């Protein structure tokens, strides 16, 4: 499993604790230092079946500063992936990728089904 996180994020810390307690093996990536590529993001959007907006950290400072609230719903998958790949702080976190399964954010019940 691949796990993309921002280490100072409280939600990410909860997800890590959950994975460790379940004995899961995963590779951790700092979402800002190892920002996913446009191609990775497009693949994850496709595999997850989620709309591109779900991949944005809508409560984040960068999202708000960029004024994306009124634009995010009109972005194509390609445009969204390009924008997200340019700044890891725009990406909703954590991201957990297990093969073709993708989880955005941390919801314990979703993690239970995946692990």
C-alpha atoms as a PDB file:
ATOM      1  CA  UNK A   1       0.000   0.000   0.000  1.00  0.00           C
ATOM      2  CA  UNK A   2       1.085   3.554  -0.718  1.00  0.00           C
ATOM      3  CA  UNK A   3       0.175   6.204   1.838  1.00  0.00           C
ATOM      4  CA  UNK A   4       0.422   9.916   1.020  1.00  0.00           C
ATOM      5  CA  UNK A   5       0.295  12.207   4.018  1.00  0.00           C
ATOM      6  CA  UNK A   6       1.301  15.521   5.500  1.00  0.00           C
ATOM      7  CA  UNK A   7       3.016  14.448   8.746  1.00  0.00           C
ATOM      8  CA  UNK A   8       1.722  17.402  10.813  1.00  0.00           C
ATOM      9  CA  UNK A   9      -1.898  16.679   9.828  1.00  0.00           C
ATOM     10  CA  UNK A  10      -3.991  15.280  12.687  1.00  0.00           C
ATOM     11  CA  UNK A  11      -6.159  13.184  10.372  1.00  0.00           C
ATOM     12  CA  UNK A  12      -3.061  11.677   8.775  1.00  0.00           C
ATOM     13  CA  UNK A  13      -1.726  10.786  12.224  1.00  0.00           C
ATOM     14  CA  UNK A  14      -4.992   8.985  13.043  1.00  0.00           C
ATOM     15  CA  UNK A  15      -4.787   7.045   9.783  1.00  0.00           C
ATOM     16  CA  UNK A  16      -1.164   6.025  10.432  1.00  0.00           C
ATOM     17  CA  UNK A  17      -2.077   4.876  13.947  1.00  0.00           C
ATOM     18  CA  UNK A  18      -4.944   2.811  12.527  1.00  0.00           C
ATOM     19  CA  UNK A  19      -2.735   1.172   9.879  1.00  0.00           C
ATOM     20  CA  UNK A  20       0.034   0.405  12.383  1.00  0.00           C
ATOM     21  CA  UNK A  21      -2.425  -1.081  14.891  1.00  0.00           C
ATOM     22  CA  UNK A  22      -3.831  -3.313  12.132  1.00  0.00           C
ATOM     23  CA  UNK A  23      -0.306  -4.483  11.274  1.00  0.00           C
ATOM     24  CA  UNK A  24      -0.475  -3.116   7.739  1.00  0.00           C
ATOM     25  CA  UNK A  25       2.619  -2.693   5.640  1.00  0.00           C
ATOM     26  CA  UNK A  26       2.708   0.553   3.706  1.00  0.00           C
ATOM     27  CA  UNK A  27       5.111   2.983   2.124  1.00  0.00           C
ATOM     28  CA  UNK A  28       4.671   6.502   3.448  1.00  0.00           C
ATOM     29  CA  UNK A  29       5.134   9.536   1.210  1.00  0.00           C
ATOM     30  CA  UNK A  30       5.279  13.184   2.313  1.00  0.00           C
ATOM     31  CA  UNK A  31       2.595  14.713   0.079  1.00  0.00           C
ATOM     32  CA  UNK A  32       4.485  18.007  -0.338  1.00  0.00           C
ATOM     33  CA  UNK A  33       7.989  16.587  -0.794  1.00  0.00           C
ATOM     34  CA  UNK A  34       6.768  13.727  -3.022  1.00  0.00           C
ATOM     35  CA  UNK A  35       3.737  15.313  -4.657  1.00  0.00           C
ATOM     36  CA  UNK A  36       1.933  12.796  -6.876  1.00  0.00           C
ATOM     37  CA  UNK A  37       2.272  13.322 -10.615  1.00  0.00           C
ATOM     38  CA  UNK A  38      -0.557  14.321 -12.919  1.00  0.00           C
ATOM     39  CA  UNK A  39      -0.556  10.778 -14.327  1.00  0.00           C
ATOM     40  CA  UNK A  40      -0.822   9.201 -10.866  1.00  0.00           C
ATOM     41  CA  UNK A  41      -3.656  11.534  -9.906  1.00  0.00           C
ATOM     42  CA  UNK A  42      -5.555  10.797 -13.128  1.00  0.00           C
ATOM     43  CA  UNK A  43      -5.195   7.063 -12.513  1.00  0.00           C
ATOM     44  CA  UNK A  44      -6.399   7.421  -8.915  1.00  0.00           C
ATOM     45  CA  UNK A  45      -9.360   9.534  -9.989  1.00  0.00           C
ATOM     46  CA  UNK A  46     -10.307   6.870 -12.499  1.00  0.00           C
ATOM     47  CA  UNK A  47      -9.835   3.959 -10.076  1.00  0.00           C
ATOM     48  CA  UNK A  48     -11.672   5.645  -7.216  1.00  0.00           C
ATOM     49  CA  UNK A  49     -14.696   6.665  -9.273  1.00  0.00           C
ATOM     50  CA  UNK A  50     -14.690   9.947  -7.338  1.00  0.00           C
ATOM     51  CA  UNK A  51     -15.218  13.297  -8.973  1.00  0.00           C
ATOM     52  CA  UNK A  52     -12.043  15.411  -9.213  1.00  0.00           C
ATOM     53  CA  UNK A  53     -13.319  17.858  -6.575  1.00  0.00           C
ATOM     54  CA  UNK A  54     -13.017  15.139  -3.918  1.00  0.00           C
ATOM     55  CA  UNK A  55      -9.223  15.181  -4.344  1.00  0.00           C
ATOM     56  CA  UNK A  56      -8.967  18.833  -3.280  1.00  0.00           C
ATOM     57  CA  UNK A  57      -8.264  19.912   0.281  1.00  0.00           C
ATOM     58  CA  UNK A  58     -11.178  22.368   0.251  1.00  0.00           C
ATOM     59  CA  UNK A  59     -10.523  23.560   3.802  1.00  0.00           C
ATOM     60  CA  UNK A  60      -6.865  24.273   3.100  1.00  0.00           C
ATOM     61  CA  UNK A  61      -5.249  27.678   3.003  1.00  0.00           C
ATOM     62  CA  UNK A  62      -3.814  27.237  -0.523  1.00  0.00           C
ATOM     63  CA  UNK A  63      -7.208  26.211  -1.922  1.00  0.00           C
ATOM     64  CA  UNK A  64      -8.826  29.266  -0.399  1.00  0.00           C
ATOM     65  CA  UNK A  65      -6.024  31.641  -1.449  1.00  0.00           C
ATOM     66  CA  UNK A  66      -6.313  30.430  -5.038  1.00  0.00           C
ATOM     67  CA  UNK A  67     -10.058  31.087  -5.037  1.00  0.00           C
ATOM     68  CA  UNK A  68     -10.820  27.581  -6.278  1.00  0.00           C
ATOM     69  CA  UNK A  69     -14.221  27.325  -4.606  1.00  0.00           C
ATOM     70  CA  UNK A  70     -16.018  28.723  -7.643  1.00  0.00           C
ATOM     71  CA  UNK A  71     -13.768  27.013 -10.206  1.00  0.00           C
ATOM     72  CA  UNK A  72     -13.290  23.487  -8.913  1.00  0.00           C
ATOM     73  CA  UNK A  73     -16.604  22.132 -10.222  1.00  0.00           C
ATOM     74  CA  UNK A  74     -15.831  23.275 -13.768  1.00  0.00           C
ATOM     75  CA  UNK A  75     -12.369  21.682 -13.980  1.00  0.00           C
ATOM     76  CA  UNK A  76     -11.879  18.639 -16.193  1.00  0.00           C
ATOM     77  CA  UNK A  77     -10.052  15.634 -14.698  1.00  0.00           C
ATOM     78  CA  UNK A  78      -6.942  16.651 -16.620  1.00  0.00           C
ATOM     79  CA  UNK A  79      -7.087  20.247 -15.393  1.00  0.00           C
ATOM     80  CA  UNK A  80      -7.692  19.134 -11.808  1.00  0.00           C
ATOM     81  CA  UNK A  81      -4.833  16.607 -11.901  1.00  0.00           C
ATOM     82  CA  UNK A  82      -2.476  19.206 -13.372  1.00  0.00           C
ATOM     83  CA  UNK A  83      -3.344  21.722 -10.668  1.00  0.00           C
ATOM     84  CA  UNK A  84      -3.072  19.164  -7.860  1.00  0.00           C
ATOM     85  CA  UNK A  85       0.282  17.892  -9.112  1.00  0.00           C
ATOM     86  CA  UNK A  86       1.732  21.397  -8.798  1.00  0.00           C
ATOM     87  CA  UNK A  87       1.098  21.762  -5.060  1.00  0.00           C
ATOM     88  CA  UNK A  88       0.757  18.888  -2.595  1.00  0.00           C
ATOM     89  CA  UNK A  89      -1.044  21.138  -0.109  1.00  0.00           C
ATOM     90  CA  UNK A  90      -4.004  21.276  -2.511  1.00  0.00           C
ATOM     91  CA  UNK A  91      -4.524  17.524  -2.230  1.00  0.00           C
ATOM     92  CA  UNK A  92      -6.971  16.109   0.311  1.00  0.00           C
ATOM     93  CA  UNK A  93      -5.121  13.856   2.636  1.00  0.00           C
ATOM     94  CA  UNK A  94      -4.352  11.233   3.491  1.00  0.00           C
ATOM     95  CA  UNK A  95      -4.425   9.196   0.300  1.00  0.00           C
ATOM     96  CA  UNK A  96      -4.241   5.415   0.618  1.00  0.00           C
ATOM     97  CA  UNK A  97      -3.627   3.414  -2.535  1.00  0.00           C
ATOM     98  CA  UNK A  98      -3.831  -0.366  -2.506  1.00  0.00           C
ATOM     99  CA  UNK A  99      -3.520  -1.609  -6.066  1.00  0.00           C
ATOM    100  CA  UNK A 100      -6.529  -0.194  -7.892  1.00  0.00           C
ATOM    101  CA  UNK A 101      -8.313   0.808  -4.677  1.00  0.00           C
ATOM    102  CA  UNK A 102      -8.028   4.443  -3.636  1.00  0.00           C
ATOM    103  CA  UNK A 103      -9.196   6.106  -0.425  1.00  0.00           C
ATOM    104  CA  UNK A 104      -9.205   9.889  -0.058  1.00  0.00           C
ATOM    105  CA  UNK A 105      -9.262  11.232   3.485  1.00  0.00           C
ATOM    106  CA  UNK A 106      -9.602   9.012   6.537  1.00  0.00           C
ATOM    107  CA  UNK A 107     -12.795   7.278   7.453  1.00  0.00           C
ATOM    108  CA  UNK A 108     -12.206   4.295   9.724  1.00  0.00           C
ATOM    109  CA  UNK A 109     -15.004   2.189   8.205  1.00  0.00           C
ATOM    110  CA  UNK A 110     -13.527   2.619   4.702  1.00  0.00           C
ATOM    111  CA  UNK A 111     -10.068   1.686   5.940  1.00  0.00           C
ATOM    112  CA  UNK A 112     -11.523  -1.393   7.674  1.00  0.00           C
ATOM    113  CA  UNK A 113     -12.869  -2.640   4.337  1.00  0.00           C
ATOM    114  CA  UNK A 114      -9.595  -2.005   2.524  1.00  0.00           C
ATOM    115  CA  UNK A 115      -7.198  -3.546   5.034  1.00  0.00           C
END
